[in-house]
Amino acid sequence: MFELILNVLLFLFLVYAAIFNVIEAPIPEKVQRNPYALQPGTWPTVLIVLLLVLIGFNIIKIIKEKKGKEEFSFGSFVQGIPDFFKSKLFIGMLLVVIASIILEPLGYMVTCFFLLFTYAILLGDKNIIRNLIVSLALTLFLYLFFGVMLKVNLPRGTVPALRNFALWLESLLP
């Protein structure tokens, strides 16, 4: 039942996004004057429609497969809610929310390291030293890939010491 509810909510969110963020998005004057220019909402609309069709098929598949089964009832869904809040899935969701909140003040380096380290612990990695080394290596690799190679501006943080560290690290790389 949880999977069906999640699919329906995702479907509704995509319909909302398509109506209020893609279809009603303002079109720049430069694009309006050029009849051959691809409109800014073309690709988002195509992707959202494709996702809506696929999610619709998934909703139908879920209903066909689980229709008539005892666990596919609203009562069993309500009984399973406390277990969901104790699950690793929910804790992982909380970690992502916390990471999105601390990203701007603490910057990319600290946030990425925190997320990788805590996720490894959540998934059952008991070796703290290995976890520290792998989290640090992945953080640096991702920084080099996105920040240096792809030139994505990663948040440096607003905490002065962390911001200075990020600026120092950037000064080491060409």
Protein backbone atom coordinates (compact mmCIF):
# COMPACT_ATOMS: atom_id res chain seq x y z
CA MET A 1 0.00 0.00 0.00
CA PHE A 2 2.91 2.34 0.80
CA GLU A 3 4.27 1.93 -2.72
CA LEU A 4 0.89 2.79 -4.24
CA ILE A 5 0.48 5.88 -2.05
CA LEU A 6 4.02 7.02 -2.90
CA ASN A 7 3.36 6.58 -6.64
CA VAL A 8 0.09 8.51 -6.45
CA LEU A 9 1.78 11.35 -4.53
CA LEU A 10 4.61 11.46 -7.06
CA PHE A 11 2.07 11.52 -9.90
CA LEU A 12 0.21 14.44 -8.30
CA PHE A 13 3.45 16.33 -7.64
CA LEU A 14 4.51 15.96 -11.29
CA VAL A 15 1.11 17.20 -12.48
CA TYR A 16 1.50 20.22 -10.17
CA ALA A 17 5.06 20.84 -11.41
CA ALA A 18 3.97 20.61 -15.04
CA ILE A 19 1.09 23.02 -14.62
CA PHE A 20 2.61 25.66 -12.38
CA ASN A 21 6.35 25.49 -13.15
CA VAL A 22 6.69 24.37 -16.77
CA ILE A 23 3.60 25.42 -18.69
CA GLU A 24 3.30 28.82 -16.98
CA ALA A 25 7.04 29.55 -17.02
CA PRO A 26 7.88 32.88 -18.66
CA ILE A 27 9.49 32.67 -22.10
CA PRO A 28 12.38 35.08 -22.71
CA GLU A 29 11.76 37.75 -25.36
CA LYS A 30 14.74 36.58 -27.42
CA VAL A 31 13.19 33.10 -27.73
CA GLN A 32 9.75 34.51 -28.55
CA ARG A 33 11.17 36.45 -31.53
CA ASN A 34 12.88 33.38 -33.01
CA PRO A 35 10.31 30.99 -34.51
CA TYR A 36 12.94 28.22 -34.79
CA ALA A 37 14.11 28.38 -31.18
CA LEU A 38 13.26 25.49 -28.91
CA GLN A 39 10.96 26.75 -26.17
CA PRO A 40 12.41 26.53 -22.63
CA GLY A 41 9.60 24.29 -21.42
CA THR A 42 9.87 21.69 -24.20
CA TRP A 43 12.24 19.20 -22.58
CA PRO A 44 10.81 19.48 -19.04
CA THR A 45 7.33 18.93 -20.51
CA VAL A 46 8.47 15.88 -22.49
CA LEU A 47 10.20 14.39 -19.44
CA ILE A 48 7.27 15.06 -17.11
CA VAL A 49 4.75 13.56 -19.55
CA LEU A 50 6.98 10.50 -19.97
CA LEU A 51 7.28 10.14 -16.19
CA LEU A 52 3.52 10.55 -15.76
CA VAL A 53 2.86 7.78 -18.30
CA LEU A 54 5.37 5.43 -16.65
CA ILE A 55 4.08 6.16 -13.14
CA GLY A 56 0.54 5.59 -14.39
CA PHE A 57 1.56 2.17 -15.72
CA ASN A 58 3.28 1.44 -12.40
CA ILE A 59 0.14 2.37 -10.42
CA ILE A 60 -1.95 0.04 -12.59
CA LYS A 61 0.63 -2.75 -12.16
CA ILE A 62 0.66 -2.35 -8.37
CA ILE A 63 -3.14 -2.47 -8.19
CA LYS A 64 -3.31 -5.59 -10.42
CA GLU A 65 -0.60 -7.46 -8.51
CA LYS A 66 -1.77 -6.69 -4.97
CA LYS A 67 -5.54 -6.44 -5.38
CA GLY A 68 -7.33 -8.68 -2.90
CA LYS A 69 -4.25 -9.41 -0.77
CA GLU A 70 -4.52 -8.85 2.97
CA GLU A 71 -1.45 -6.60 3.20
CA PHE A 72 -2.92 -4.37 0.49
CA SER A 73 -5.38 -2.61 2.75
CA PHE A 74 -5.47 0.76 4.39
CA GLY A 75 -5.61 -0.88 7.82
CA SER A 76 -2.35 -2.77 7.29
CA PHE A 77 -0.80 0.42 5.93
CA VAL A 78 -1.74 2.35 9.08
CA GLN A 79 -0.39 -0.47 11.27
CA GLY A 80 2.93 -0.36 9.39
CA ILE A 81 3.50 3.37 9.89
CA PRO A 82 5.38 3.03 13.24
CA ASP A 83 7.70 0.43 11.68
CA PHE A 84 8.43 2.80 8.79
CA PHE A 85 9.59 5.54 11.19
CA LYS A 86 12.02 3.03 12.74
CA SER A 87 13.37 1.78 9.40
CA LYS A 88 16.71 2.51 7.78
CA LEU A 89 14.83 3.99 4.83
CA PHE A 90 13.31 6.72 6.99
CA ILE A 91 16.61 7.39 8.77
CA GLY A 92 18.29 7.70 5.36
CA MET A 93 15.63 10.21 4.31
CA LEU A 94 16.30 12.21 7.47
CA LEU A 95 20.03 12.21 6.72
CA VAL A 96 19.39 13.67 3.27
CA VAL A 97 17.10 16.35 4.74
CA ILE A 98 19.72 17.22 7.37
CA ALA A 99 22.41 17.36 4.67
CA SER A 100 20.30 19.73 2.57
CA ILE A 101 19.85 22.00 5.60
CA ILE A 102 23.53 22.10 6.58
CA LEU A 103 24.87 22.36 3.01
CA GLU A 104 24.75 26.15 2.79
CA PRO A 105 26.20 27.03 6.21
CA LEU A 106 28.81 24.25 6.43
CA GLY A 107 29.66 23.94 2.75
CA TYR A 108 30.07 21.03 0.40
CA MET A 109 33.10 19.37 2.00
CA VAL A 110 31.69 18.94 5.49
CA THR A 111 28.19 18.07 4.28
CA CYS A 112 29.35 15.46 1.76
CA PHE A 113 31.72 13.89 4.29
CA PHE A 114 28.96 13.83 6.95
CA LEU A 115 26.45 12.27 4.57
CA LEU A 116 28.83 9.58 3.29
CA PHE A 117 30.12 8.72 6.78
CA THR A 118 26.69 8.49 8.41
CA TYR A 119 25.20 6.55 5.49
CA ALA A 120 27.99 3.99 5.73
CA ILE A 121 27.25 3.56 9.43
CA LEU A 122 23.53 3.31 8.66
CA LEU A 123 24.22 0.56 6.12
CA GLY A 124 26.16 -1.42 8.72
CA ASP A 125 29.84 -0.56 8.20
CA LYS A 126 31.47 -1.17 11.60
CA ASN A 127 35.05 -0.28 10.61
CA ILE A 128 35.25 3.41 11.55
CA ILE A 129 38.80 3.96 10.21
CA ARG A 130 37.93 2.53 6.79
CA ASN A 131 34.68 4.52 6.83
CA LEU A 132 36.59 7.76 7.54
CA ILE A 133 39.13 7.10 4.78
CA VAL A 134 36.54 6.09 2.16
CA SER A 135 34.25 9.04 3.03
CA LEU A 136 37.15 11.48 2.79
CA ALA A 137 38.41 9.97 -0.49
CA LEU A 138 34.94 10.03 -2.05
CA THR A 139 34.35 13.60 -0.89
CA LEU A 140 37.62 14.72 -2.49
CA PHE A 141 36.92 12.71 -5.67
CA LEU A 142 33.45 14.22 -6.02
CA TYR A 143 34.86 17.68 -5.36
CA LEU A 144 37.51 17.21 -8.05
CA PHE A 145 34.99 15.81 -10.51
CA PHE A 146 32.24 18.38 -10.05
CA GLY A 147 34.10 21.41 -8.72
CA VAL A 148 37.25 21.22 -10.83
CA MET A 149 36.49 19.20 -13.96
CA LEU A 150 32.87 20.23 -14.53
CA LYS A 151 33.32 23.69 -12.95
CA VAL A 152 30.18 23.42 -10.80
CA ASN A 153 30.15 26.04 -8.06
CA LEU A 154 29.90 23.99 -4.89
CA PRO A 155 28.86 25.77 -1.68
CA ARG A 156 31.85 26.92 0.36
CA GLY A 157 29.90 27.50 3.54
CA THR A 158 29.19 30.57 5.60
CA VAL A 159 31.11 29.45 8.70
CA PRO A 160 34.37 31.44 8.37
CA ALA A 161 36.80 28.59 9.15
CA LEU A 162 35.09 26.19 6.74
CA ARG A 163 34.82 28.84 4.05
CA ASN A 164 38.53 29.65 4.41
CA PHE A 165 39.33 25.93 4.15
CA ALA A 166 37.29 25.63 0.94
CA LEU A 167 38.99 28.70 -0.53
CA TRP A 168 42.41 27.34 0.45
CA LEU A 169 41.61 24.00 -1.18
CA GLU A 170 40.47 25.75 -4.35
CA SER A 171 43.72 27.74 -4.43
CA LEU A 172 45.71 24.47 -4.48
CA LEU A 173 44.02 23.30 -7.65
CA PRO A 174 44.46 24.97 -11.06
